[in-house]
Amino acid sequence: MSTPSTKTIRVGIICGSQRKPRCGDQVSNFVLETVQIHSKPTNTDVQNISFHFDFIDINDLNLPFYDEPGIPSKITPPEGYTHEHTRKWSQRISPLDAFIFVTPQYNWGYPAGLKNAIDYLFHEWKGKPAVIVSYGGHGGDKAAAALRVCLAGGLDMQVGDRMVVNLSFPNRDALYAAAQGKDLGLDAGKEGGVWSEERKCITGAWDQMVAMLV
């Protein structure tokens, strides 16, 4: 009997914060480590599936404000874009099967840099599953809701009801530390740590996303 082949699911973890200082990279890595632990073969019921993660930091992309003369929904191959930075961005996003967007909340919205990066492309996002993880003093639920409208509405991405997670800082001291970019002590493998209970929400969102792909 032949052994079933392994399917590789490619997932982009998108850190949407560009603040200096910031905690977005810490939160994004916490989310990544949480799903990596959860998706190990010994911890999942999904067989013959492997995962490849691409950590995408919006801060590192150096994308200018949207400057393509063409309309993204009318452009299919990367060669159709005018600018090299758009072609590179397209080539990075196209191979990915699903995404986890990690976003802070600014004035009830999500960062302009994240919106700008999303708006450069269309077909590269269209129809793919996406998890949204927001964070803030009250969990960033307004930012998550706005981002969901963009992804599920504008780009027809699959964002299920359990695929939105809001992470609230546990106290004012943690909020101030986050705003200053200090170490938050996030540990995806530690019981009783910051957001240890919320990990179940993250893995639940992950499971729903994976179910859309298998």
Foldseek 3Di string as FASTA:
>chain_A
DDDDAAAEAEEEQEQQDQDVVACSVVVSVLLVVLQVVCPDPVNDPDPSYHYHYDYHYLNPLPDDQDDWPDQQVVDDQLVPTDDPSLSVLLVVLQVHQEYEYEFEADPLATDPSVVRSVRSHAPSQAAGEYAYAYEAQFQSVSHQVVVCCCRCPVRVYDQDPLRYHGFHWPDPVLRVCRVNNHDSPRDSPDPPGRCVVVSVSSVVNVVVNVVVVD
